[in-house]
Amino acid sequence: MPPTPSSAPPAHPVDPLFLALPMHRLADAALDRARRLGAGHADFRLERVRSASWRLRDAKPAGSADSVQLGFAVRVLLDGAWGFAAGVELTEQAAAEVAEQAVAVARLSARISAAAGGGDRVELAPEPVHRDAVWVSSYRINPFDVPDAEKTALLADWSAALLAADGVSHVTASLLTVQENKFYADTAGTVTTQQRIRLNPEFEAISVDERTGAFESMRTVAPPAGRGWEYLAGVPGASPGGPGLAEGWDWADELGRIPGYLAEKVKAPSVEPGRYDLVIDPTNLWLTIHESIGHATELDRALGYEAAYAGTSFATFDQLGKLKYGSELMHVTGDRTAEHGLATIGFDDEGVATQSWDLIRDGILTGYQLDRTMAHLKGLGRSNGCAFADSPAHVPVQRMANVSLQPAIDGPDTPGLFDGVENGLYIVGDRSWSIDMQRYNFQFTGQRAYAIKNGRLAGQVKDFAYQATTTDFWGSMTAVGGPQTYLLGGAFNCGKAQPGQVAAVSHGCPSALFQQVNVLNTQQEAGH
């Protein structure tokens, strides 16, 4: 087994405000009460989640928010059934009482299950004990250490520069930052303390025809990231001769190009529907991966346990090791360890040290995303660390890892993928999407698309959407870009479960070529 994430000291200390909380005393009180009441397993989770956001319109503040959620949860396993309860009063008596509530829920659940004829008893896959492990995500500057005025000023300056460009009528800007602290302890002896930082910056330029009211927009394609303030502002003194550039994205370059992209889109012809070879940029392909692979390989969906919120999965368990998901070039991993990934963590909410593993290899379905219950239920051995709750008030559910398409070691750059394409489209940036309840039939649009004629870009087209079934689409992949094209995209707002929970997740991928994919004209479709 690889070393746990606690084997190296974190680059940053855990927030002292969090460490000052009586986490160990609360955990001891809750777990001791759960043991005394007969629980075979119990875990305690204390969380402090701070979220702050800023919105600007036309370089002027349009809103901001700063909130902290603080509380704890106790989960117990008794008589083959789960019990869960949560609280906000940080006293040992309250922790013990919440444990009692969780035990009462488990006993009631066990009785209801028995009255209904039994069913699968909950049992947990084994996991080594991780004692006093500390994990902190990879970042340079905690955005919560940066004055709000500095954040707003940077957003306003970049918005004003966009607004001053020819053809730009309005500009919106937003920034969301999150600091998540989590303490976990269970009756097996695992104790973990974690801190992770993430942020999501976004700018959009809008062009309005004052005569007709018609408009077009163009948004940045910079992904949200598990990084700090350096992602936007750089690290002072990090490069010779002055402040360092932002890490992970060239904001000045993209923002400087947005007005030109927008002006070209306004004048672009509407796409002719038909079949095209598509070169899809990672800024668009990440979302197709999320919807058609990420959700489809969550084992609870494949088994039908998750259906109410967003459906089940066509990739059912009987097809493990058999389903031809796509072409032989297709290698997709699940990963909770990727640096700067939004779903990256040291330990999940069941005390499992996070890992990386294959989901699809040589185009064949070879794995799923698991929690400890699902791993044991289907005899798959150890969990791969995919249990997560988005707040102390919610029970952990199986959530998505960083699901990523791997690049070809010697693969071409993106222009190299254009070679040999006689009639195609190059699609950049995500926009809207639609997929059915089994994650099989879908269509996706993008921020912009360029015609490819005889291996060369031939200007933008608009009103496009590509449409396919999951297996047909991934089966049509005939070339995969090299590591130089790889990008970690993602989103803050992946929804799942009832009551609904929201989680952040990243998806890495290279540029890739797909042959003869159906492309719709969205304006013609809307007119039917």
Protein backbone atom coordinates (compact mmCIF):
# COMPACT_ATOMS: atom_id res chain seq x y z
CA MET A 1 0.00 0.00 0.00
CA PRO A 2 1.38 3.48 -0.87
CA PRO A 3 2.22 5.80 2.01
CA THR A 4 -0.73 7.70 3.39
CA PRO A 5 -1.00 11.43 2.69
CA SER A 6 0.24 12.13 6.23
CA SER A 7 3.70 10.76 5.45
CA ALA A 8 4.96 14.22 4.43
CA PRO A 9 4.36 17.41 6.41
CA PRO A 10 1.88 19.85 4.80
CA ALA A 11 3.21 23.09 3.34
CA HIS A 12 0.73 25.13 5.41
CA PRO A 13 -0.46 24.69 8.99
CA VAL A 14 -4.08 23.91 9.68
CA ASP A 15 -6.09 27.02 10.56
CA PRO A 16 -5.57 27.71 14.30
CA LEU A 17 -9.23 28.78 14.63
CA PHE A 18 -10.20 25.25 13.69
CA LEU A 19 -7.56 23.57 15.84
CA ALA A 20 -8.80 25.56 18.85
CA LEU A 21 -12.15 23.74 18.70
CA PRO A 22 -12.60 20.91 21.26
CA MET A 23 -12.66 18.27 18.52
CA HIS A 24 -10.97 15.43 20.41
CA ARG A 25 -13.16 15.83 23.50
CA LEU A 26 -16.32 15.93 21.39
CA ALA A 27 -15.24 12.86 19.42
CA ASP A 28 -14.39 10.92 22.56
CA ALA A 29 -17.77 11.74 24.10
CA ALA A 30 -19.72 10.77 20.98
CA LEU A 31 -17.82 7.58 20.17
CA ASP A 32 -17.82 6.37 23.77
CA ARG A 33 -21.60 6.82 24.01
CA ALA A 34 -22.13 5.02 20.70
CA ARG A 35 -19.98 2.07 21.86
CA ARG A 36 -21.84 1.81 25.16
CA LEU A 37 -25.15 1.71 23.28
CA GLY A 38 -24.02 -1.22 21.14
CA ALA A 39 -22.80 0.35 17.90
CA GLY A 40 -20.40 -1.93 16.03
CA HIS A 41 -18.92 1.08 14.23
CA ALA A 42 -19.21 4.80 14.85
CA ASP A 43 -17.57 7.84 13.33
CA PHE A 44 -17.48 11.50 14.30
CA ARG A 45 -16.96 14.40 11.91
CA LEU A 46 -16.44 18.05 12.88
CA GLU A 47 -16.44 20.58 10.03
CA ARG A 48 -15.89 24.27 9.56
CA VAL A 49 -16.61 25.43 6.00
CA ARG A 50 -16.09 29.06 5.07
CA SER A 51 -17.36 30.32 1.71
CA ALA A 52 -16.98 33.84 0.32
CA SER A 53 -18.05 35.25 -3.04
CA TRP A 54 -17.91 38.50 -4.99
CA ARG A 55 -19.88 39.56 -8.07
CA LEU A 56 -19.27 42.57 -10.31
CA ARG A 57 -21.22 43.96 -13.25
CA ASP A 58 -19.52 46.41 -15.58
CA ALA A 59 -16.58 46.71 -13.17
CA LYS A 60 -18.82 47.74 -10.25
CA PRO A 61 -19.69 45.62 -7.18
CA ALA A 62 -23.01 43.79 -7.58
CA GLY A 63 -22.96 41.61 -4.48
CA SER A 64 -20.84 39.69 -2.02
CA ALA A 65 -21.26 37.09 0.69
CA ASP A 66 -19.16 35.53 3.44
CA SER A 67 -20.50 32.67 5.54
CA VAL A 68 -19.24 29.99 7.90
CA GLN A 69 -20.89 26.64 8.55
CA LEU A 70 -19.77 24.92 11.75
CA GLY A 71 -21.10 21.72 13.23
CA PHE A 72 -20.56 18.00 13.78
CA ALA A 73 -22.09 14.70 12.77
CA VAL A 74 -22.19 11.22 14.27
CA ARG A 75 -22.82 8.13 12.18
CA VAL A 76 -23.24 4.65 13.66
CA LEU A 77 -23.64 1.13 12.35
CA LEU A 78 -25.85 -1.11 14.49
CA ASP A 79 -27.72 -4.31 13.62
CA GLY A 80 -26.68 -3.94 9.99
CA ALA A 81 -28.23 -0.47 9.58
CA TRP A 82 -26.94 3.09 9.52
CA GLY A 83 -27.97 5.78 11.94
CA PHE A 84 -27.04 9.44 11.56
CA ALA A 85 -27.52 12.65 13.50
CA ALA A 86 -25.91 16.09 13.55
CA GLY A 87 -25.53 18.98 15.97
CA VAL A 88 -24.11 22.48 16.37
CA GLU A 89 -23.63 22.83 20.13
CA LEU A 90 -19.94 22.11 20.74
CA THR A 91 -20.18 20.50 24.16
CA GLU A 92 -19.41 16.95 25.24
CA GLN A 93 -22.96 16.48 26.51
CA ALA A 94 -24.39 17.56 23.15
CA ALA A 95 -22.00 15.23 21.30
CA ALA A 96 -23.11 12.28 23.46
CA GLU A 97 -26.77 13.16 22.91
CA VAL A 98 -26.29 13.33 19.15
CA ALA A 99 -24.67 9.89 19.30
CA GLU A 100 -27.76 8.62 21.14
CA GLN A 101 -29.96 10.05 18.39
CA ALA A 102 -27.87 8.32 15.73
CA VAL A 103 -28.18 4.98 17.58
CA ALA A 104 -31.95 5.43 17.85
CA VAL A 105 -32.15 6.05 14.09
CA ALA A 106 -30.08 2.91 13.39
CA ARG A 107 -32.31 0.76 15.61
CA LEU A 108 -35.43 2.10 13.89
CA SER A 109 -33.89 1.53 10.44
CA ALA A 110 -32.98 -2.04 11.39
CA ARG A 111 -36.55 -2.74 12.58
CA ILE A 112 -38.05 -1.29 9.40
CA SER A 113 -35.67 -3.36 7.26
CA ALA A 114 -36.54 -6.54 9.18
CA ALA A 115 -40.27 -5.86 8.86
CA ALA A 116 -39.86 -5.39 5.11
CA GLY A 117 -38.16 -8.75 4.74
CA GLY A 118 -34.57 -7.93 5.48
CA GLY A 119 -32.38 -6.96 2.56
CA ASP A 120 -28.70 -6.22 2.41
CA ARG A 121 -27.13 -5.68 5.81
CA VAL A 122 -24.66 -2.80 5.83
CA GLU A 123 -21.07 -3.93 6.31
CA LEU A 124 -17.88 -1.98 5.71
CA ALA A 125 -14.88 -2.94 3.59
CA PRO A 126 -11.67 -3.05 5.65
CA GLU A 127 -9.40 -0.02 5.88
CA PRO A 128 -6.08 0.40 7.72
CA VAL A 129 -6.13 2.65 10.77
CA HIS A 130 -4.68 6.14 10.17
CA ARG A 131 -3.66 7.72 13.46
CA ASP A 132 -3.28 11.48 13.90
CA ALA A 133 -2.94 12.06 10.14
CA VAL A 134 -2.84 15.66 8.89
CA TRP A 135 -3.43 16.69 5.27
CA VAL A 136 -3.52 20.19 3.72
CA SER A 137 -4.18 20.86 0.04
CA SER A 138 -1.58 22.36 -2.28
CA TYR A 139 -1.72 26.17 -2.48
CA ARG A 140 0.57 29.16 -1.97
CA ILE A 141 -1.63 31.97 -0.63
CA ASN A 142 -4.84 31.38 1.30
CA PRO A 143 -7.41 33.70 -0.33
CA PHE A 144 -8.93 34.37 3.08
CA ASP A 145 -5.63 36.00 4.09
CA VAL A 146 -6.01 38.53 1.23
CA PRO A 147 -7.98 41.73 1.98
CA ASP A 148 -11.41 41.83 0.32
CA ALA A 149 -10.54 45.22 -1.19
CA GLU A 150 -7.60 43.65 -3.03
CA LYS A 151 -9.78 40.91 -4.49
CA THR A 152 -12.46 43.35 -5.61
CA ALA A 153 -9.89 45.72 -7.09
CA LEU A 154 -8.35 42.99 -9.23
CA LEU A 155 -11.76 41.86 -10.52
CA ALA A 156 -12.72 45.47 -11.22
CA ASP A 157 -9.48 46.29 -13.05
CA TRP A 158 -9.76 43.27 -15.34
CA SER A 159 -13.47 43.94 -15.90
CA ALA A 160 -12.78 47.56 -16.82
CA ALA A 161 -10.16 46.54 -19.36
CA LEU A 162 -12.64 44.14 -20.97
CA LEU A 163 -15.41 46.75 -20.93
CA ALA A 164 -13.18 49.27 -22.71
CA ALA A 165 -12.67 46.97 -25.70
CA ASP A 166 -14.56 47.61 -28.94
CA GLY A 167 -17.78 45.66 -29.24
CA VAL A 168 -18.11 44.78 -25.54
CA SER A 169 -21.37 46.10 -24.08
CA HIS A 170 -21.30 44.55 -20.62
CA VAL A 171 -18.94 42.50 -18.43
CA THR A 172 -19.72 40.27 -15.48
CA ALA A 173 -17.11 38.93 -13.08
CA SER A 174 -17.33 36.58 -10.13
CA LEU A 175 -15.08 34.87 -7.63
CA LEU A 176 -15.99 32.10 -5.20
CA THR A 177 -13.51 30.95 -2.54
CA VAL A 178 -13.84 28.08 -0.07
CA GLN A 179 -11.81 26.91 2.93
CA GLU A 180 -12.94 23.51 4.19
CA ASN A 181 -11.66 22.14 7.50
CA LYS A 182 -12.59 18.65 8.62
CA PHE A 183 -11.77 16.50 11.66
CA TYR A 184 -12.66 12.80 11.59
CA ALA A 185 -12.41 10.06 14.23
CA ASP A 186 -13.89 6.57 14.40
CA THR A 187 -14.09 3.63 16.77
CA ALA A 188 -11.36 1.76 14.85
CA GLY A 189 -8.83 4.39 15.92
CA THR A 190 -8.48 6.52 12.78
CA VAL A 191 -8.08 10.25 13.48
CA THR A 192 -7.55 12.74 10.64
CA THR A 193 -7.42 16.53 10.37
CA GLN A 194 -7.64 18.20 6.98
CA GLN A 195 -7.78 21.57 5.27
CA ARG A 196 -8.39 22.36 1.62
CA ILE A 197 -8.63 25.56 -0.37
CA ARG A 198 -10.35 26.11 -3.70
CA LEU A 199 -11.50 29.02 -5.82
CA ASN A 200 -13.57 29.68 -8.93
CA PRO A 201 -12.94 32.91 -10.91
CA GLU A 202 -14.99 33.75 -14.00
CA PHE A 203 -15.35 36.66 -16.45
CA GLU A 204 -17.90 37.04 -19.24
CA ALA A 205 -18.10 39.68 -21.97
CA ILE A 206 -21.44 40.43 -23.67
CA SER A 207 -22.06 42.16 -26.99
CA VAL A 208 -25.54 43.68 -27.58
CA ASP A 209 -26.87 44.96 -30.90
CA GLU A 210 -28.65 48.12 -29.78
CA ARG A 211 -30.83 48.13 -32.90
CA THR A 212 -32.14 44.56 -32.75
CA GLY A 213 -31.48 43.57 -29.16
CA ALA A 214 -29.58 40.48 -30.31
CA PHE A 215 -26.63 39.53 -28.14
CA GLU A 216 -23.71 37.15 -27.91
CA SER A 217 -21.43 36.34 -25.01
CA MET A 218 -17.97 34.91 -24.44
CA ARG A 219 -16.78 33.55 -21.09
CA THR A 220 -13.32 32.71 -19.86
CA VAL A 221 -12.46 29.03 -20.04
CA ALA A 222 -10.05 29.11 -17.08
CA PRO A 223 -11.10 26.23 -14.82
CA PRO A 224 -11.86 26.44 -11.10
CA ALA A 225 -8.96 24.95 -9.16
CA GLY A 226 -7.75 23.61 -5.85
CA ARG A 227 -5.33 26.54 -5.62
CA GLY A 228 -4.97 29.75 -3.65
CA TRP A 229 -4.94 33.45 -4.49
CA GLU A 230 -1.78 32.91 -6.53
CA TYR A 231 -4.03 31.43 -9.25
CA LEU A 232 -5.24 34.96 -9.96
CA ALA A 233 -2.55 37.33 -8.73
CA GLY A 234 0.66 35.33 -8.87
CA VAL A 235 3.24 35.13 -6.09
CA PRO A 236 5.11 38.39 -5.38
CA GLY A 237 8.83 38.05 -6.02
CA ALA A 238 8.49 34.55 -7.46
CA SER A 239 10.22 35.55 -10.70
CA PRO A 240 13.24 37.76 -11.33
CA GLY A 241 12.54 41.43 -11.82
CA GLY A 242 9.11 41.62 -10.17
CA PRO A 243 5.91 39.78 -9.27
CA GLY A 244 5.45 36.29 -10.58
CA LEU A 245 2.73 35.37 -13.04
CA ALA A 246 -0.41 33.66 -11.83
CA GLU A 247 0.14 29.94 -11.37
CA GLY A 248 -1.78 27.62 -13.65
CA TRP A 249 -3.36 30.17 -16.00
CA ASP A 250 -2.33 33.19 -18.09
CA TRP A 251 -5.22 35.51 -17.25
CA ALA A 252 -3.77 38.51 -19.08
CA ASP A 253 -3.54 36.50 -22.29
CA GLU A 254 -7.06 35.08 -22.15
CA LEU A 255 -8.74 38.31 -21.09
CA GLY A 256 -6.88 40.12 -23.85
CA ARG A 257 -8.25 37.67 -26.43
CA ILE A 258 -11.89 37.61 -25.26
CA PRO A 259 -13.02 40.75 -27.17
CA GLY A 260 -11.62 39.36 -30.42
CA TYR A 261 -13.27 35.98 -29.84
CA LEU A 262 -16.56 37.74 -29.14
CA ALA A 263 -16.38 40.02 -32.18
CA GLU A 264 -15.72 37.02 -34.43
CA LYS A 265 -18.61 35.09 -32.88
CA VAL A 266 -21.04 37.96 -33.50
CA LYS A 267 -20.28 37.80 -37.24
CA ALA A 268 -19.85 34.02 -37.48
CA PRO A 269 -22.14 31.99 -39.75
CA SER A 270 -24.53 29.46 -38.29
CA VAL A 271 -23.20 25.89 -38.48
CA GLU A 272 -24.49 23.58 -41.18
CA PRO A 273 -25.91 20.46 -39.47
CA GLY A 274 -24.37 17.15 -40.37
CA ARG A 275 -21.55 14.79 -39.42
CA TYR A 276 -18.17 16.27 -38.60
CA ASP A 277 -14.80 15.18 -37.30
CA LEU A 278 -14.45 16.97 -33.95
CA VAL A 279 -11.28 18.08 -32.25
CA ILE A 280 -12.45 18.82 -28.73
CA ASP A 281 -10.38 21.00 -26.44
CA PRO A 282 -10.01 19.92 -22.79
CA THR A 283 -11.89 23.10 -21.77
CA ASN A 284 -14.96 21.45 -23.32
CA LEU A 285 -14.23 17.73 -23.08
CA TRP A 286 -13.97 17.76 -19.27
CA LEU A 287 -17.74 18.26 -19.00
CA THR A 288 -18.51 15.41 -21.41
CA ILE A 289 -16.31 13.21 -19.23
CA HIS A 290 -18.14 14.37 -16.11
CA GLU A 291 -21.60 13.56 -17.43
CA SER A 292 -20.99 10.46 -19.57
CA ILE A 293 -18.24 8.75 -17.51
CA GLY A 294 -17.99 10.37 -14.08
CA HIS A 295 -21.61 9.88 -13.06
CA ALA A 296 -22.00 6.64 -15.01
CA THR A 297 -19.19 4.91 -13.07
CA GLU A 298 -20.51 5.76 -9.60
CA LEU A 299 -21.35 2.30 -8.32
CA ASP A 300 -24.45 3.38 -6.41
CA ARG A 301 -25.92 4.60 -9.73
CA ALA A 302 -24.88 1.42 -11.54
CA LEU A 303 -26.62 -0.64 -8.84
CA GLY A 304 -29.75 1.52 -8.84
CA TYR A 305 -29.31 2.88 -5.31
CA GLU A 306 -29.07 6.44 -6.68
CA ALA A 307 -31.89 7.32 -9.05
CA ALA A 308 -34.06 10.15 -7.72
CA TYR A 309 -31.75 13.10 -8.34
CA ALA A 310 -30.10 12.48 -11.70
CA GLY A 311 -30.78 8.92 -12.73
CA THR A 312 -28.95 5.61 -12.71
CA SER A 313 -26.36 4.33 -15.21
CA PHE A 314 -26.21 2.26 -18.38
CA ALA A 315 -22.84 0.89 -17.14
CA THR A 316 -24.43 -1.76 -14.92
CA PHE A 317 -22.38 -4.00 -12.64
CA ASP A 318 -22.86 -7.13 -14.78
CA GLN A 319 -20.83 -5.36 -17.49
CA LEU A 320 -17.72 -4.86 -15.36
CA GLY A 321 -14.76 -6.12 -17.35
CA LYS A 322 -16.94 -6.57 -20.46
CA LEU A 323 -18.48 -3.26 -21.55
CA LYS A 324 -16.74 -1.69 -24.54
CA TYR A 325 -17.04 1.90 -23.37
CA GLY A 326 -14.98 3.37 -26.22
CA SER A 327 -11.98 2.99 -28.47
CA GLU A 328 -8.81 1.19 -27.40
CA LEU A 329 -7.17 4.61 -26.95
CA MET A 330 -9.44 5.27 -23.98
CA HIS A 331 -7.76 5.18 -20.55
CA VAL A 332 -9.78 6.85 -17.79
CA THR A 333 -8.77 6.99 -14.14
CA GLY A 334 -10.52 7.88 -10.92
CA ASP A 335 -8.22 9.95 -8.72
CA ARG A 336 -8.62 11.58 -5.32
CA THR A 337 -4.92 12.51 -5.10
CA ALA A 338 -4.24 14.79 -8.14
CA GLU A 339 -2.52 18.02 -7.13
CA HIS A 340 -4.93 20.98 -7.33
CA GLY A 341 -7.89 18.70 -8.07
CA LEU A 342 -11.22 19.90 -6.70
CA ALA A 343 -12.09 16.39 -5.47
CA THR A 344 -8.60 15.86 -4.05
CA ILE A 345 -8.41 15.12 -0.34
CA GLY A 346 -6.17 13.10 1.94
CA PHE A 347 -8.89 10.95 3.54
CA ASP A 348 -12.55 10.59 2.71
CA ASP A 349 -15.46 10.82 5.15
CA GLU A 350 -15.13 7.16 6.09
CA GLY A 351 -11.47 7.42 7.09
CA VAL A 352 -10.19 5.90 3.82
CA ALA A 353 -6.84 7.12 2.49
CA THR A 354 -7.48 8.38 -1.01
CA GLN A 355 -6.08 6.71 -4.13
CA SER A 356 -5.90 6.61 -7.94
CA TRP A 357 -7.27 3.69 -9.96
CA ASP A 358 -8.48 2.67 -13.42
CA LEU A 359 -12.12 3.05 -14.43
CA ILE A 360 -11.68 2.34 -18.14
CA ARG A 361 -8.61 0.71 -19.67
CA ASP A 362 -8.12 0.06 -23.41
CA GLY A 363 -11.75 1.12 -23.85
CA ILE A 364 -13.15 -1.52 -21.43
CA LEU A 365 -15.00 -0.74 -18.18
CA THR A 366 -12.66 -1.98 -15.42
CA GLY A 367 -13.74 -0.21 -12.23
CA TYR A 368 -16.17 1.98 -10.32
CA GLN A 369 -16.10 4.71 -7.73
CA LEU A 370 -16.73 3.18 -4.30
CA ASP A 371 -17.41 3.83 -0.67
CA ARG A 372 -16.82 1.21 2.04
CA THR A 373 -20.39 -0.13 1.96
CA MET A 374 -20.47 -0.62 -1.79
CA ALA A 375 -16.97 -2.10 -1.88
CA HIS A 376 -17.97 -4.79 0.64
CA LEU A 377 -21.40 -5.39 -0.92
CA LYS A 378 -19.92 -6.34 -4.28
CA GLY A 379 -16.76 -8.05 -3.00
CA LEU A 380 -14.41 -5.46 -4.47
CA GLY A 381 -12.02 -5.29 -1.54
CA ARG A 382 -10.94 -1.92 -0.22
CA SER A 383 -12.90 1.27 -0.89
CA ASN A 384 -11.21 3.78 -3.18
CA GLY A 385 -12.14 6.70 -0.94
CA CYS A 386 -15.26 8.21 -2.54
CA ALA A 387 -17.44 8.92 0.53
CA PHE A 388 -18.10 12.63 1.05
CA ALA A 389 -20.62 14.93 2.73
CA ASP A 390 -20.84 18.57 1.72
CA SER A 391 -21.57 19.80 5.23
CA PRO A 392 -21.68 18.59 8.84
CA ALA A 393 -25.47 18.43 8.53
CA HIS A 394 -25.39 15.79 5.78
CA VAL A 395 -24.59 12.09 5.78
CA PRO A 396 -21.65 10.97 3.59
CA VAL A 397 -22.67 9.57 0.22
CA GLN A 398 -20.63 8.14 -2.61
CA ARG A 399 -19.25 11.14 -4.53
CA MET A 400 -17.22 11.61 -7.65
CA ALA A 401 -13.43 11.48 -7.76
CA ASN A 402 -11.34 13.48 -10.23
CA VAL A 403 -12.27 11.35 -13.26
CA SER A 404 -9.76 11.96 -16.05
CA LEU A 405 -8.93 10.81 -19.57
CA GLN A 406 -5.21 10.15 -19.79
CA PRO A 407 -3.10 11.66 -22.60
CA ALA A 408 -1.07 9.63 -25.11
CA ILE A 409 2.58 9.67 -24.03
CA ASP A 410 3.79 10.56 -27.52
CA GLY A 411 0.56 12.20 -28.66
CA PRO A 412 0.38 15.30 -30.87
CA ASP A 413 -0.32 18.86 -29.85
CA THR A 414 -3.75 20.29 -30.60
CA PRO A 415 -2.88 21.66 -34.07
CA GLY A 416 -1.43 18.25 -34.84
CA LEU A 417 -4.89 16.77 -34.33
CA PHE A 418 -6.21 19.02 -37.12
CA ASP A 419 -3.97 17.28 -39.65
CA GLY A 420 -5.98 15.07 -41.95
CA VAL A 421 -9.33 16.58 -40.90
CA GLU A 422 -11.03 17.65 -44.13
CA ASN A 423 -14.32 18.85 -42.66
CA GLY A 424 -14.46 19.29 -38.92
CA LEU A 425 -14.96 21.53 -35.92
CA TYR A 426 -12.61 22.54 -33.12
CA ILE A 427 -14.70 23.09 -29.98
CA VAL A 428 -13.46 25.19 -27.04
CA GLY A 429 -15.03 25.90 -23.65
CA ASP A 430 -18.16 24.46 -22.04
CA ARG A 431 -21.60 25.99 -22.20
CA SER A 432 -24.87 24.01 -22.07
CA TRP A 433 -25.51 20.28 -22.02
CA SER A 434 -28.21 17.64 -21.78
CA ILE A 435 -28.03 13.91 -20.97
CA ASP A 436 -30.61 11.23 -20.24
CA MET A 437 -31.24 9.47 -16.94
CA GLN A 438 -28.97 6.53 -17.80
CA ARG A 439 -26.02 8.75 -18.86
CA TYR A 440 -26.26 7.45 -22.41
CA ASN A 441 -27.86 9.88 -24.88
CA PHE A 442 -26.42 13.39 -24.78
CA GLN A 443 -25.70 16.67 -26.49
CA PHE A 444 -23.19 19.41 -25.63
CA THR A 445 -22.50 22.92 -26.85
CA GLY A 446 -19.44 25.12 -26.19
CA GLN A 447 -18.15 28.66 -25.86
CA ARG A 448 -16.95 28.69 -29.45
CA ALA A 449 -16.30 26.43 -32.41
CA TYR A 450 -13.99 26.83 -35.39
CA ALA A 451 -14.46 25.19 -38.74
CA ILE A 452 -11.57 22.90 -39.77
CA LYS A 453 -11.02 22.73 -43.52
CA ASN A 454 -8.28 20.52 -44.92
CA GLY A 455 -6.33 20.49 -41.67
CA ARG A 456 -6.56 24.23 -40.95
CA LEU A 457 -8.83 26.43 -38.86
CA ALA A 458 -11.23 28.43 -41.02
CA GLY A 459 -13.00 30.81 -38.64
CA GLN A 460 -15.76 30.51 -36.07
CA VAL A 461 -19.22 29.06 -36.55
CA LYS A 462 -22.05 29.32 -34.03
CA ASP A 463 -25.35 27.68 -33.00
CA PHE A 464 -23.70 24.26 -32.73
CA ALA A 465 -24.24 21.22 -30.52
CA TYR A 466 -22.72 17.75 -30.84
CA GLN A 467 -24.95 14.77 -30.19
CA ALA A 468 -24.24 11.06 -29.60
CA THR A 469 -24.66 8.09 -27.34
CA THR A 470 -21.89 7.58 -24.80
CA THR A 471 -20.45 4.42 -26.33
CA ASP A 472 -20.70 5.68 -29.92
CA PHE A 473 -19.00 8.94 -28.99
CA TRP A 474 -16.07 7.40 -27.11
CA GLY A 475 -15.86 4.66 -29.73
CA SER A 476 -15.29 7.33 -32.39
CA MET A 477 -12.16 8.66 -30.63
CA THR A 478 -9.31 8.05 -33.08
CA ALA A 479 -6.50 10.21 -31.66
CA VAL A 480 -5.55 11.51 -28.22
CA GLY A 481 -3.35 14.52 -27.62
CA GLY A 482 -0.08 14.41 -25.73
CA PRO A 483 0.65 15.58 -22.18
CA GLN A 484 1.27 19.12 -23.48
CA THR A 485 -2.47 19.40 -24.23
CA TYR A 486 -3.62 18.08 -20.83
CA LEU A 487 -5.70 20.38 -18.59
CA LEU A 488 -7.54 19.84 -15.30
CA GLY A 489 -11.03 21.31 -15.77
CA GLY A 490 -13.92 21.06 -13.38
CA ALA A 491 -16.87 22.56 -11.52
CA PHE A 492 -17.91 23.62 -8.02
CA ASN A 493 -21.53 22.55 -8.35
CA CYS A 494 -21.91 18.81 -8.97
CA GLY A 495 -25.24 17.81 -7.45
CA LYS A 496 -26.30 14.44 -6.07
CA ALA A 497 -28.49 12.72 -3.47
CA GLN A 498 -31.72 13.53 -1.68
CA PRO A 499 -31.62 15.83 0.24
CA GLY A 500 -29.36 17.36 -2.38
CA GLN A 501 -25.66 17.81 -1.81
CA VAL A 502 -23.15 19.79 -3.87
CA ALA A 503 -19.50 18.88 -4.37
CA ALA A 504 -16.55 20.27 -6.34
CA VAL A 505 -14.80 17.97 -8.79
CA SER A 506 -12.07 18.19 -11.43
CA HIS A 507 -11.64 16.27 -14.69
CA GLY A 508 -8.37 16.21 -16.57
CA CYS A 509 -8.04 15.43 -20.26
CA PRO A 510 -6.01 16.18 -23.37
CA SER A 511 -7.40 17.42 -26.65
CA ALA A 512 -8.84 14.51 -28.65
CA LEU A 513 -10.16 13.73 -32.14
CA PHE A 514 -13.57 12.13 -32.69
CA GLN A 515 -14.68 11.07 -36.17
CA GLN A 516 -18.08 11.59 -37.78
CA VAL A 517 -20.06 12.91 -34.81
CA ASN A 518 -23.54 14.31 -35.42
CA VAL A 519 -23.69 18.13 -35.11
CA LEU A 520 -26.99 20.00 -34.75
CA ASN A 521 -27.84 23.59 -35.55
CA THR A 522 -29.44 24.71 -32.28
CA GLN A 523 -31.35 27.58 -33.90
CA GLN A 524 -32.96 25.25 -36.42
CA GLU A 525 -33.78 22.74 -33.67
CA ALA A 526 -35.35 25.50 -31.54
CA GLY A 527 -37.50 26.52 -34.49
CA HIS A 528 -39.06 23.07 -34.93
